[in-house]
Structure formats: C-alpha cells, structure tokens
Amino acid sequence: MEQLHLIKRTIEIKSNGEDAAVATIIRTKGSTPRKTGSKMIIFPTGRIEGTIGGGCGEAEVIEKALKVIQSNNPIKHIVDLTKGLYYEDGGICGGIMELYIEKV
C-alpha cells in the first residue's frame, strides 16, 4: 500500500512541476531495514516521504538525492550497514543496500 501511495505521489510531483528525487532499493544483501522495491521521495528542502530504513543510511541517501536534484543525473549508491558507530552494540542491521536515485 505504501509503495503504491509513493508512486502516485511521484506522478503528482511530476505533474505539478515540483523538484524531487526518488530513491529506490534495487538490491539488498544480508539484513537490511527495508527490502528491494522500497522507495523514498526526497524534496530539495530535505523533507522526505516514505523511508528506506532510517538512521545514518537514510541521511546518506538524502544527501545524495539532493545532488541528483541539482544535477539531474541519476546515480546508483550503496549503503553499507555492516560497520559503523553502533556495530559493536548491534545497533545496525549488518547488510548492504544498493539504491537507484533519480530526479522526478
């Protein structure tokens, strides 16, 4: 249901001539907060609709999406959740997500 809503929102954004980017998980490996096909819409202000999992990985994707909005060049981006600040405490998922980020 959420994915269908985000697809409809993407169509609305495009129809209204608004700037935004869509980040879609295209591949996962290991344990990740969201799975392939999950989407997040990112606006130039940093506001988002939907989620690809939250936390540092999501912040990283927002940063990349803002660059995509400015450049109009789509990218693939890998979010590595196998190591980081909270790894020792088990505070991260331990997987890898590959995303495709494109301007609406």
PDB file of N, CA and C in Angstrom:
ATOM      1  N   MET A   1       0.817  -1.201   0.000  1.00  0.00           N
ATOM      2  CA  MET A   1       0.000   0.000   0.000  1.00  0.00           C
ATOM      3  C   MET A   1       0.862   1.267   0.000  1.00  0.00           C
ATOM      4  N   GLU A   2       1.893   1.275   0.854  1.00  0.00           N
ATOM      5  CA  GLU A   2       2.757   2.453   0.934  1.00  0.00           C
ATOM      6  C   GLU A   2       3.450   2.717  -0.396  1.00  0.00           C
ATOM      7  N   GLN A   3       3.934   1.658  -1.056  1.00  0.00           N
ATOM      8  CA  GLN A   3       4.639   1.832  -2.325  1.00  0.00           C
ATOM      9  C   GLN A   3       3.712   2.411  -3.392  1.00  0.00           C
ATOM     10  N   LEU A   4       2.473   1.961  -3.419  1.00  0.00           N
ATOM     11  CA  LEU A   4       1.502   2.489  -4.376  1.00  0.00           C
ATOM     12  C   LEU A   4       1.264   3.977  -4.123  1.00  0.00           C
ATOM     13  N   HIS A   5       1.164   4.353  -2.849  1.00  0.00           N
ATOM     14  CA  HIS A   5       0.994   5.769  -2.491  1.00  0.00           C
ATOM     15  C   HIS A   5       2.179   6.595  -2.995  1.00  0.00           C
ATOM     16  N   LEU A   6       3.395   6.089  -2.811  1.00  0.00           N
ATOM     17  CA  LEU A   6       4.580   6.835  -3.233  1.00  0.00           C
ATOM     18  C   LEU A   6       4.661   6.950  -4.752  1.00  0.00           C
ATOM     19  N   ILE A   7       4.206   5.937  -5.465  1.00  0.00           N
ATOM     20  CA  ILE A   7       4.171   6.017  -6.927  1.00  0.00           C
ATOM     21  C   ILE A   7       3.169   7.092  -7.356  1.00  0.00           C
ATOM     22  N   LYS A   8       2.003   7.121  -6.721  1.00  0.00           N
ATOM     23  CA  LYS A   8       1.000   8.157  -7.030  1.00  0.00           C
ATOM     24  C   LYS A   8       1.543   9.547  -6.700  1.00  0.00           C
ATOM     25  N   ARG A   9       2.242   9.670  -5.572  1.00  0.00           N
ATOM     26  CA  ARG A   9       2.827  10.961  -5.185  1.00  0.00           C
ATOM     27  C   ARG A   9       3.870  11.411  -6.209  1.00  0.00           C
ATOM     28  N   THR A  10       4.654  10.475  -6.720  1.00  0.00           N
ATOM     29  CA  THR A  10       5.658  10.800  -7.728  1.00  0.00           C
ATOM     30  C   THR A  10       4.994  11.367  -8.972  1.00  0.00           C
ATOM     31  N   ILE A  11       3.893  10.777  -9.379  1.00  0.00           N
ATOM     32  CA  ILE A  11       3.144  11.270 -10.539  1.00  0.00           C
ATOM     33  C   ILE A  11       2.609  12.676 -10.267  1.00  0.00           C
ATOM     34  N   GLU A  12       2.078  12.906  -9.059  1.00  0.00           N
ATOM     35  CA  GLU A  12       1.584  14.244  -8.684  1.00  0.00           C
ATOM     36  C   GLU A  12       2.711  15.274  -8.723  1.00  0.00           C
ATOM     37  N   ILE A  13       3.858  14.921  -8.170  1.00  0.00           N
ATOM     38  CA  ILE A  13       5.001  15.834  -8.120  1.00  0.00           C
ATOM     39  C   ILE A  13       5.429  16.205  -9.538  1.00  0.00           C
ATOM     40  N   LYS A  14       5.521  15.210 -10.399  1.00  0.00           N
ATOM     41  CA  LYS A  14       5.903  15.443 -11.796  1.00  0.00           C
ATOM     42  C   LYS A  14       4.875  16.332 -12.486  1.00  0.00           C
ATOM     43  N   SER A  15       3.583  16.043 -12.284  1.00  0.00           N
ATOM     44  CA  SER A  15       2.504  16.824 -12.907  1.00  0.00           C
ATOM     45  C   SER A  15       2.505  18.269 -12.443  1.00  0.00           C
ATOM     46  N   ASN A  16       2.880  18.498 -11.185  1.00  0.00           N
ATOM     47  CA  ASN A  16       2.901  19.848 -10.618  1.00  0.00           C
ATOM     48  C   ASN A  16       4.200  20.597 -10.932  1.00  0.00           C
ATOM     49  N   GLY A  17       5.141  19.927 -11.570  1.00  0.00           N
ATOM     50  CA  GLY A  17       6.411  20.570 -11.913  1.00  0.00           C
ATOM     51  C   GLY A  17       7.307  20.812 -10.722  1.00  0.00           C
ATOM     52  N   GLU A  18       7.097  20.073  -9.636  1.00  0.00           N
ATOM     53  CA  GLU A  18       7.926  20.224  -8.443  1.00  0.00           C
ATOM     54  C   GLU A  18       9.255  19.494  -8.626  1.00  0.00           C
ATOM     55  N   ASP A  19      10.258  19.933  -7.884  1.00  0.00           N
ATOM     56  CA  ASP A  19      11.534  19.234  -7.859  1.00  0.00           C
ATOM     57  C   ASP A  19      11.531  18.215  -6.729  1.00  0.00           C
ATOM     58  N   ALA A  20      12.020  17.026  -7.026  1.00  0.00           N
ATOM     59  CA  ALA A  20      12.170  15.968  -6.028  1.00  0.00           C
ATOM     60  C   ALA A  20      12.981  14.851  -6.656  1.00  0.00           C
ATOM     61  N   ALA A  21      13.413  13.937  -5.807  1.00  0.00           N
ATOM     62  CA  ALA A  21      14.107  12.739  -6.278  1.00  0.00           C
ATOM     63  C   ALA A  21      13.440  11.531  -5.635  1.00  0.00           C
ATOM     64  N   VAL A  22      13.580  10.398  -6.287  1.00  0.00           N
ATOM     65  CA  VAL A  22      13.078   9.143  -5.745  1.00  0.00           C
ATOM     66  C   VAL A  22      14.253   8.197  -5.579  1.00  0.00           C
ATOM     67  N   ALA A  23      14.385   7.650  -4.385  1.00  0.00           N
ATOM     68  CA  ALA A  23      15.397   6.639  -4.105  1.00  0.00           C
ATOM     69  C   ALA A  23      14.682   5.300  -3.979  1.00  0.00           C
ATOM     70  N   THR A  24      15.130   4.322  -4.757  1.00  0.00           N
ATOM     71  CA  THR A  24      14.521   3.003  -4.754  1.00  0.00           C
ATOM     72  C   THR A  24      15.589   1.957  -4.439  1.00  0.00           C
ATOM     73  N   ILE A  25      15.304   1.083  -3.491  1.00  0.00           N
ATOM     74  CA  ILE A  25      16.228   0.000  -3.195  1.00  0.00           C
ATOM     75  C   ILE A  25      16.121  -1.009  -4.334  1.00  0.00           C
ATOM     76  N   ILE A  26      17.254  -1.245  -5.002  1.00  0.00           N
ATOM     77  CA  ILE A  26      17.238  -2.167  -6.140  1.00  0.00           C
ATOM     78  C   ILE A  26      17.886  -3.515  -5.812  1.00  0.00           C
ATOM     79  N   ARG A  27      18.622  -3.580  -4.698  1.00  0.00           N
ATOM     80  CA  ARG A  27      19.227  -4.851  -4.305  1.00  0.00           C
ATOM     81  C   ARG A  27      19.611  -4.771  -2.837  1.00  0.00           C
ATOM     82  N   THR A  28      19.496  -5.883  -2.148  1.00  0.00           N
ATOM     83  CA  THR A  28      19.952  -5.961  -0.761  1.00  0.00           C
ATOM     84  C   THR A  28      20.767  -7.229  -0.566  1.00  0.00           C
ATOM     85  N   LYS A  29      21.627  -7.178   0.426  1.00  0.00           N
ATOM     86  CA  LYS A  29      22.405  -8.353   0.815  1.00  0.00           C
ATOM     87  C   LYS A  29      22.487  -8.352   2.336  1.00  0.00           C
ATOM     88  N   GLY A  30      22.171  -9.447   2.946  1.00  0.00           N
ATOM     89  CA  GLY A  30      22.197  -9.533   4.402  1.00  0.00           C
ATOM     90  C   GLY A  30      20.964  -8.885   5.010  1.00  0.00           C
ATOM     91  N   SER A  31      21.074  -8.535   6.259  1.00  0.00           N
ATOM     92  CA  SER A  31      19.959  -7.953   6.996  1.00  0.00           C
ATOM     93  C   SER A  31      19.890  -6.443   6.748  1.00  0.00           C
ATOM     94  N   THR A  32      18.761  -5.979   6.223  1.00  0.00           N
ATOM     95  CA  THR A  32      18.546  -4.552   5.956  1.00  0.00           C
ATOM     96  C   THR A  32      17.184  -4.148   6.496  1.00  0.00           C
ATOM     97  N   PRO A  33      17.020  -2.866   6.844  1.00  0.00           N
ATOM     98  CA  PRO A  33      15.741  -2.439   7.422  1.00  0.00           C
ATOM     99  C   PRO A  33      14.571  -2.500   6.443  1.00  0.00           C
ATOM    100  N   ARG A  34      14.855  -2.335   5.156  1.00  0.00           N
ATOM    101  CA  ARG A  34      13.814  -2.408   4.126  1.00  0.00           C
ATOM    102  C   ARG A  34      14.330  -3.285   2.990  1.00  0.00           C
ATOM    103  N   LYS A  35      13.416  -3.740   2.184  1.00  0.00           N
ATOM    104  CA  LYS A  35      13.779  -4.685   1.130  1.00  0.00           C
ATOM    105  C   LYS A  35      13.682  -4.049  -0.260  1.00  0.00           C
ATOM    106  N   THR A  36      14.087  -4.811  -1.263  1.00  0.00           N
ATOM    107  CA  THR A  36      14.067  -4.373  -2.656  1.00  0.00           C
ATOM    108  C   THR A  36      12.685  -3.833  -3.021  1.00  0.00           C
ATOM    109  N   GLY A  37      12.680  -2.695  -3.706  1.00  0.00           N
ATOM    110  CA  GLY A  37      11.436  -2.055  -4.125  1.00  0.00           C
ATOM    111  C   GLY A  37      10.986  -0.932  -3.209  1.00  0.00           C
ATOM    112  N   SER A  38      11.517  -0.874  -2.001  1.00  0.00           N
ATOM    113  CA  SER A  38      11.149   0.211  -1.087  1.00  0.00           C
ATOM    114  C   SER A  38      11.603   1.537  -1.667  1.00  0.00           C
ATOM    115  N   LYS A  39      10.778   2.566  -1.474  1.00  0.00           N
ATOM    116  CA  LYS A  39      11.039   3.874  -2.073  1.00  0.00           C
ATOM    117  C   LYS A  39      10.962   4.980  -1.035  1.00  0.00           C
ATOM    118  N   MET A  40      11.649   6.069  -1.369  1.00  0.00           N
ATOM    119  CA  MET A  40      11.591   7.278  -0.558  1.00  0.00           C
ATOM    120  C   MET A  40      11.666   8.465  -1.510  1.00  0.00           C
ATOM    121  N   ILE A  41      10.797   9.435  -1.314  1.00  0.00           N
ATOM    122  CA  ILE A  41      10.818  10.674  -2.092  1.00  0.00           C
ATOM    123  C   ILE A  41      11.550  11.719  -1.265  1.00  0.00           C
ATOM    124  N   ILE A  42      12.456  12.432  -1.904  1.00  0.00           N
ATOM    125  CA  ILE A  42      13.245  13.460  -1.229  1.00  0.00           C
ATOM    126  C   ILE A  42      13.018  14.792  -1.938  1.00  0.00           C
ATOM    127  N   PHE A  43      12.696  15.817  -1.170  1.00  0.00           N
ATOM    128  CA  PHE A  43      12.462  17.153  -1.701  1.00  0.00           C
ATOM    129  C   PHE A  43      13.694  18.024  -1.465  1.00  0.00           C
ATOM    130  N   PRO A  44      13.849  19.121  -2.225  1.00  0.00           N
ATOM    131  CA  PRO A  44      15.041  19.978  -2.100  1.00  0.00           C
ATOM    132  C   PRO A  44      15.276  20.522  -0.689  1.00  0.00           C
ATOM    133  N   THR A  45      14.235  20.595   0.113  1.00  0.00           N
ATOM    134  CA  THR A  45      14.375  21.078   1.494  1.00  0.00           C
ATOM    135  C   THR A  45      14.907  20.003   2.433  1.00  0.00           C
ATOM    136  N   GLY A  46      14.997  18.753   1.920  1.00  0.00           N
ATOM    137  CA  GLY A  46      15.402  17.633   2.763  1.00  0.00           C
ATOM    138  C   GLY A  46      14.221  16.872   3.333  1.00  0.00           C
ATOM    139  N   ARG A  47      13.023  17.400   3.122  1.00  0.00           N
ATOM    140  CA  ARG A  47      11.812  16.696   3.583  1.00  0.00           C
ATOM    141  C   ARG A  47      11.670  15.409   2.786  1.00  0.00           C
ATOM    142  N   ILE A  48      11.164  14.369   3.457  1.00  0.00           N
ATOM    143  CA  ILE A  48      11.004  13.078   2.783  1.00  0.00           C
ATOM    144  C   ILE A  48       9.582  12.555   2.949  1.00  0.00           C
ATOM    145  N   GLU A  49       9.214  11.683   2.045  1.00  0.00           N
ATOM    146  CA  GLU A  49       8.001  10.884   2.158  1.00  0.00           C
ATOM    147  C   GLU A  49       8.423   9.450   1.915  1.00  0.00           C
ATOM    148  N   GLY A  50       7.989   8.544   2.753  1.00  0.00           N
ATOM    149  CA  GLY A  50       8.415   7.159   2.676  1.00  0.00           C
ATOM    150  C   GLY A  50       9.726   6.975   3.407  1.00  0.00           C
ATOM    151  N   THR A  51      10.285   5.774   3.325  1.00  0.00           N
ATOM    152  CA  THR A  51      11.543   5.503   4.014  1.00  0.00           C
ATOM    153  C   THR A  51      12.279   4.351   3.330  1.00  0.00           C
ATOM    154  N   ILE A  52      13.579   4.394   3.447  1.00  0.00           N
ATOM    155  CA  ILE A  52      14.388   3.261   3.019  1.00  0.00           C
ATOM    156  C   ILE A  52      15.064   2.635   4.240  1.00  0.00           C
ATOM    157  N   GLY A  53      14.672   3.092   5.423  1.00  0.00           N
ATOM    158  CA  GLY A  53      15.158   2.436   6.625  1.00  0.00           C
ATOM    159  C   GLY A  53      15.573   3.312   7.781  1.00  0.00           C
ATOM    160  N   GLY A  54      15.699   4.604   7.580  1.00  0.00           N
ATOM    161  CA  GLY A  54      16.042   5.494   8.688  1.00  0.00           C
ATOM    162  C   GLY A  54      17.527   5.510   9.012  1.00  0.00           C
ATOM    163  N   GLY A  55      17.864   6.300  10.020  1.00  0.00           N
ATOM    164  CA  GLY A  55      19.221   6.352  10.532  1.00  0.00           C
ATOM    165  C   GLY A  55      20.229   6.960   9.581  1.00  0.00           C
ATOM    166  N   CYS A  56      21.481   6.603   9.811  1.00  0.00           N
ATOM    167  CA  CYS A  56      22.600   7.160   9.042  1.00  0.00           C
ATOM    168  C   CYS A  56      22.500   6.820   7.564  1.00  0.00           C
ATOM    169  N   GLY A  57      22.051   5.610   7.241  1.00  0.00           N
ATOM    170  CA  GLY A  57      21.922   5.214   5.839  1.00  0.00           C
ATOM    171  C   GLY A  57      20.941   6.088   5.100  1.00  0.00           C
ATOM    172  N   GLU A  58      19.833   6.404   5.745  1.00  0.00           N
ATOM    173  CA  GLU A  58      18.831   7.262   5.115  1.00  0.00           C
ATOM    174  C   GLU A  58      19.366   8.677   4.950  1.00  0.00           C
ATOM    175  N   ALA A  59      20.086   9.177   5.933  1.00  0.00           N
ATOM    176  CA  ALA A  59      20.674  10.514   5.841  1.00  0.00           C
ATOM    177  C   ALA A  59      21.664  10.579   4.675  1.00  0.00           C
ATOM    178  N   GLU A  60      22.420   9.519   4.482  1.00  0.00           N
ATOM    179  CA  GLU A  60      23.376   9.429   3.382  1.00  0.00           C
ATOM    180  C   GLU A  60      22.644   9.498   2.033  1.00  0.00           C
ATOM    181  N   VAL A  61      21.518   8.806   1.934  1.00  0.00           N
ATOM    182  CA  VAL A  61      20.738   8.781   0.691  1.00  0.00           C
ATOM    183  C   VAL A  61      20.109  10.150   0.437  1.00  0.00           C
ATOM    184  N   ILE A  62      19.642  10.822   1.472  1.00  0.00           N
ATOM    185  CA  ILE A  62      19.078  12.170   1.310  1.00  0.00           C
ATOM    186  C   ILE A  62      20.138  13.105   0.736  1.00  0.00           C
ATOM    187  N   GLU A  63      21.336  13.037   1.285  1.00  0.00           N
ATOM    188  CA  GLU A  63      22.437  13.879   0.797  1.00  0.00           C
ATOM    189  C   GLU A  63      22.710  13.621  -0.689  1.00  0.00           C
ATOM    190  N   LYS A  64      22.764  12.359  -1.077  1.00  0.00           N
ATOM    191  CA  LYS A  64      22.984  12.012  -2.487  1.00  0.00           C
ATOM    192  C   LYS A  64      21.819  12.479  -3.355  1.00  0.00           C
ATOM    193  N   ALA A  65      20.598  12.335  -2.863  1.00  0.00           N
ATOM    194  CA  ALA A  65      19.408  12.730  -3.626  1.00  0.00           C
ATOM    195  C   ALA A  65      19.389  14.229  -3.885  1.00  0.00           C
ATOM    196  N   LEU A  66      19.837  15.023  -2.936  1.00  0.00           N
ATOM    197  CA  LEU A  66      19.879  16.474  -3.133  1.00  0.00           C
ATOM    198  C   LEU A  66      20.832  16.821  -4.273  1.00  0.00           C
ATOM    199  N   LYS A  67      21.913  16.085  -4.392  1.00  0.00           N
ATOM    200  CA  LYS A  67      22.853  16.296  -5.507  1.00  0.00           C
ATOM    201  C   LYS A  67      22.222  15.866  -6.833  1.00  0.00           C
ATOM    202  N   VAL A  68      21.442  14.795  -6.795  1.00  0.00           N
ATOM    203  CA  VAL A  68      20.746  14.335  -8.005  1.00  0.00           C
ATOM    204  C   VAL A  68      19.738  15.378  -8.468  1.00  0.00           C
ATOM    205  N   ILE A  69      19.016  15.987  -7.524  1.00  0.00           N
ATOM    206  CA  ILE A  69      18.042  17.034  -7.874  1.00  0.00           C
ATOM    207  C   ILE A  69      18.751  18.188  -8.571  1.00  0.00           C
ATOM    208  N   GLN A  70      19.897  18.592  -8.052  1.00  0.00           N
ATOM    209  CA  GLN A  70      20.640  19.715  -8.631  1.00  0.00           C
ATOM    210  C   GLN A  70      21.225  19.382  -9.995  1.00  0.00           C
ATOM    211  N   SER A  71      21.757  18.183 -10.141  1.00  0.00           N
ATOM    212  CA  SER A  71      22.469  17.826 -11.373  1.00  0.00           C
ATOM    213  C   SER A  71      21.576  17.209 -12.440  1.00  0.00           C
ATOM    214  N   ASN A  72      20.450  16.673 -12.014  1.00  0.00           N
ATOM    215  CA  ASN A  72      19.533  15.961 -12.909  1.00  0.00           C
ATOM    216  C   ASN A  72      20.162  14.680 -13.464  1.00  0.00           C
ATOM    217  N   ASN A  73      21.198  14.181 -12.788  1.00  0.00           N
ATOM    218  CA  ASN A  73      21.867  12.949 -13.203  1.00  0.00           C
ATOM    219  C   ASN A  73      21.558  11.841 -12.203  1.00  0.00           C
ATOM    220  N   PRO A  74      20.900  10.754 -12.641  1.00  0.00           N
ATOM    221  CA  PRO A  74      20.613   9.644 -11.725  1.00  0.00           C
ATOM    222  C   PRO A  74      21.899   8.932 -11.325  1.00  0.00           C
ATOM    223  N   ILE A  75      21.867   8.305 -10.164  1.00  0.00           N
ATOM    224  CA  ILE A  75      23.040   7.566  -9.683  1.00  0.00           C
ATOM    225  C   ILE A  75      22.602   6.264  -9.022  1.00  0.00           C
ATOM    226  N   LYS A  76      23.552   5.350  -8.915  1.00  0.00           N
ATOM    227  CA  LYS A  76      23.406   4.187  -8.045  1.00  0.00           C
ATOM    228  C   LYS A  76      24.264   4.475  -6.824  1.00  0.00           C
ATOM    229  N   HIS A  77      23.771   4.082  -5.672  1.00  0.00           N
ATOM    230  CA  HIS A  77      24.509   4.337  -4.435  1.00  0.00           C
ATOM    231  C   HIS A  77      24.389   3.124  -3.527  1.00  0.00           C
ATOM    232  N   ILE A  78      25.487   2.756  -2.899  1.00  0.00           N
ATOM    233  CA  ILE A  78      25.492   1.624  -1.976  1.00  0.00           C
ATOM    234  C   ILE A  78      25.567   2.132  -0.544  1.00  0.00           C
ATOM    235  N   VAL A  79      24.640   1.648   0.287  1.00  0.00           N
ATOM    236  CA  VAL A  79      24.641   1.954   1.713  1.00  0.00           C
ATOM    237  C   VAL A  79      25.126   0.703   2.431  1.00  0.00           C
ATOM    238  N   ASP A  80      26.257   0.819   3.084  1.00  0.00           N
ATOM    239  CA  ASP A  80      26.876  -0.303   3.780  1.00  0.00           C
ATOM    240  C   ASP A  80      26.517  -0.224   5.258  1.00  0.00           C
ATOM    241  N   LEU A  81      25.699  -1.159   5.693  1.00  0.00           N
ATOM    242  CA  LEU A  81      25.266  -1.192   7.090  1.00  0.00           C
ATOM    243  C   LEU A  81      25.989  -2.280   7.882  1.00  0.00           C
ATOM    244  N   THR A  82      27.165  -2.676   7.386  1.00  0.00           N
ATOM    245  CA  THR A  82      27.898  -3.764   8.045  1.00  0.00           C
ATOM    246  C   THR A  82      28.872  -3.282   9.103  1.00  0.00           C
ATOM    247  N   LYS A  83      29.130  -1.983   9.117  1.00  0.00           N
ATOM    248  CA  LYS A  83      30.049  -1.455  10.119  1.00  0.00           C
ATOM    249  C   LYS A  83      29.665  -0.021  10.420  1.00  0.00           C
ATOM    250  N   GLY A  84      30.101   0.459  11.545  1.00  0.00           N
ATOM    251  CA  GLY A  84      29.801   1.832  11.903  1.00  0.00           C
ATOM    252  C   GLY A  84      29.830   2.034  13.392  1.00  0.00           C
ATOM    253  N   LEU A  85      29.361   3.178  13.798  1.00  0.00           N
ATOM    254  CA  LEU A  85      29.415   3.610  15.186  1.00  0.00           C
ATOM    255  C   LEU A  85      28.760   2.620  16.147  1.00  0.00           C
ATOM    256  N   TYR A  86      27.633   2.041  15.755  1.00  0.00           N
ATOM    257  CA  TYR A  86      26.883   1.187  16.675  1.00  0.00           C
ATOM    258  C   TYR A  86      27.074  -0.305  16.410  1.00  0.00           C
ATOM    259  N   TYR A  87      28.008  -0.659  15.553  1.00  0.00           N
ATOM    260  CA  TYR A  87      28.197  -2.060  15.180  1.00  0.00           C
ATOM    261  C   TYR A  87      28.443  -2.948  16.396  1.00  0.00           C
ATOM    262  N   GLU A  88      29.307  -2.500  17.295  1.00  0.00           N
ATOM    263  CA  GLU A  88      29.657  -3.308  18.458  1.00  0.00           C
ATOM    264  C   GLU A  88      28.455  -3.572  19.357  1.00  0.00           C
ATOM    265  N   ASP A  89      27.496  -2.656  19.380  1.00  0.00           N
ATOM    266  CA  ASP A  89      26.317  -2.808  20.220  1.00  0.00           C
ATOM    267  C   ASP A  89      25.166  -3.493  19.495  1.00  0.00           C
ATOM    268  N   GLY A  90      25.380  -3.851  18.226  1.00  0.00           N
ATOM    269  CA  GLY A  90      24.304  -4.472  17.465  1.00  0.00           C
ATOM    270  C   GLY A  90      23.274  -3.466  16.997  1.00  0.00           C
ATOM    271  N   GLY A  91      23.636  -2.174  16.967  1.00  0.00           N
ATOM    272  CA  GLY A  91      22.687  -1.117  16.640  1.00  0.00           C
ATOM    273  C   GLY A  91      22.475  -0.892  15.156  1.00  0.00           C
ATOM    274  N   ILE A  92      23.123  -1.686  14.298  1.00  0.00           N
ATOM    275  CA  ILE A  92      22.885  -1.567  12.866  1.00  0.00           C
ATOM    276  C   ILE A  92      22.495  -2.929  12.318  1.00  0.00           C
ATOM    277  N   CYS A  93      21.961  -2.939  11.135  1.00  0.00           N
ATOM    278  CA  CYS A  93      21.372  -4.157  10.576  1.00  0.00           C
ATOM    279  C   CYS A  93      22.395  -5.198  10.138  1.00  0.00           C
ATOM    280  N   GLY A  94      23.505  -4.745   9.576  1.00  0.00           N
ATOM    281  CA  GLY A  94      24.519  -5.686   9.151  1.00  0.00           C
ATOM    282  C   GLY A  94      24.469  -6.077   7.685  1.00  0.00           C
ATOM    283  N   GLY A  95      23.660  -5.395   6.876  1.00  0.00           N
ATOM    284  CA  GLY A  95      23.551  -5.719   5.458  1.00  0.00           C
ATOM    285  C   GLY A  95      24.002  -4.576   4.573  1.00  0.00           C
ATOM    286  N   ILE A  96      23.755  -4.764   3.276  1.00  0.00           N
ATOM    287  CA  ILE A  96      24.106  -3.761   2.274  1.00  0.00           C
ATOM    288  C   ILE A  96      22.890  -3.522   1.389  1.00  0.00           C
ATOM    289  N   MET A  97      22.617  -2.246   1.096  1.00  0.00           N
ATOM    290  CA  MET A  97      21.523  -1.885   0.200  1.00  0.00           C
ATOM    291  C   MET A  97      22.093  -1.117  -0.984  1.00  0.00           C
ATOM    292  N   GLU A  98      21.666  -1.482  -2.182  1.00  0.00           N
ATOM    293  CA  GLU A  98      22.014  -0.712  -3.370  1.00  0.00           C
ATOM    294  C   GLU A  98      20.761   0.041  -3.795  1.00  0.00           C
ATOM    295  N   LEU A  99      20.916   1.334  -4.042  1.00  0.00           N
ATOM    296  CA  LEU A  99      19.783   2.178  -4.412  1.00  0.00           C
ATOM    297  C   LEU A  99      19.999   2.850  -5.747  1.00  0.00           C
ATOM    298  N   TYR A 100      18.897   3.105  -6.418  1.00  0.00           N
ATOM    299  CA  TYR A 100      18.903   3.919  -7.630  1.00  0.00           C
ATOM    300  C   TYR A 100      18.197   5.204  -7.257  1.00  0.00           C
ATOM    301  N   ILE A 101      18.862   6.326  -7.463  1.00  0.00           N
ATOM    302  CA  ILE A 101      18.313   7.631  -7.097  1.00  0.00           C
ATOM    303  C   ILE A 101      18.167   8.449  -8.385  1.00  0.00           C
ATOM    304  N   GLU A 102      16.950   8.908  -8.637  1.00  0.00           N
ATOM    305  CA  GLU A 102      16.671   9.647  -9.863  1.00  0.00           C
ATOM    306  C   GLU A 102      15.774  10.851  -9.571  1.00  0.00           C
ATOM    307  N   LYS A 103      15.936  11.884 -10.382  1.00  0.00           N
ATOM    308  CA  LYS A 103      15.089  13.065 -10.263  1.00  0.00           C
ATOM    309  C   LYS A 103      13.710  12.731 -10.826  1.00  0.00           C
ATOM    310  N   VAL A 104      12.698  13.270 -10.179  1.00  0.00           N
ATOM    311  CA  VAL A 104      11.326  13.073 -10.646  1.00  0.00           C
ATOM    312  C   VAL A 104      11.118  13.897 -11.889  1.00  0.00           C
TER     313      VAL A 104
END
